[in-house]
Amino acid sequence: MEVDCQVDIAHDLGYIAQHDMDIINEQISRVAALLSGMRRKILGDNSLTR
């Protein structure tokens, strides 16, 4: 995921601390799960086989 890579880069460059990166990555995971669920709902459950 693009935003996940940007967070990793920001951490590697010293812009964000490890603790902050962990929190952000948890939030990214939650949002990704919500978006995935919404996508399945909109497209129908059979969209996973396409």
Protein backbone atom coordinates (compact mmCIF):
# COMPACT_ATOMS: atom_id res chain seq x y z
CA MET A 1 0.00 0.00 0.00
CA GLU A 2 1.39 3.39 -0.99
CA VAL A 3 0.75 5.19 2.30
CA ASP A 4 2.41 2.36 4.22
CA CYS A 5 5.56 2.80 2.14
CA GLN A 6 5.54 6.55 2.76
CA VAL A 7 5.30 5.96 6.52
CA ASP A 8 8.24 3.55 6.36
CA ILE A 9 10.30 6.09 4.44
CA ALA A 10 9.41 8.86 6.91
CA HIS A 11 10.53 6.60 9.77
CA ASP A 12 13.75 5.62 7.99
CA LEU A 13 14.58 9.30 7.45
CA GLY A 14 13.92 10.09 11.11
CA TYR A 15 10.76 12.14 10.63
CA ILE A 16 8.63 9.87 12.85
CA ALA A 17 9.48 7.69 15.84
CA GLN A 18 8.96 3.92 15.99
CA HIS A 19 6.05 4.26 18.42
CA ASP A 20 4.29 6.73 16.13
CA MET A 21 4.92 4.52 13.12
CA ASP A 22 3.36 1.56 14.94
CA ILE A 23 0.24 3.59 15.73
CA ILE A 24 -0.04 4.86 12.16
CA ASN A 25 0.39 1.33 10.76
CA GLU A 26 -2.43 0.07 13.01
CA GLN A 27 -4.66 2.84 11.70
CA ILE A 28 -3.69 2.03 8.11
CA SER A 29 -4.64 -1.60 8.69
CA ARG A 30 -8.04 -0.64 10.12
CA VAL A 31 -8.83 1.71 7.25
CA ALA A 32 -7.71 -0.88 4.69
CA ALA A 33 -10.02 -3.47 6.26
CA LEU A 34 -12.94 -1.04 6.23
CA LEU A 35 -12.32 -0.12 2.60
CA SER A 36 -12.01 -3.76 1.63
CA GLY A 37 -15.32 -4.55 3.33
CA MET A 38 -17.01 -1.63 1.66
CA ARG A 39 -15.65 -2.69 -1.73
CA ARG A 40 -16.94 -6.24 -1.24
CA LYS A 41 -20.34 -4.89 -0.22
CA ILE A 42 -20.59 -2.63 -3.26
CA LEU A 43 -19.28 -5.13 -5.81
CA GLY A 44 -20.77 -8.23 -4.23
CA ASP A 45 -19.02 -11.11 -2.51
CA ASN A 46 -18.30 -12.91 -5.79
CA SER A 47 -15.89 -10.13 -6.87
CA LEU A 48 -13.07 -12.00 -5.13
CA THR A 49 -13.12 -14.67 -7.85
CA ARG A 50 -12.66 -12.24 -10.75
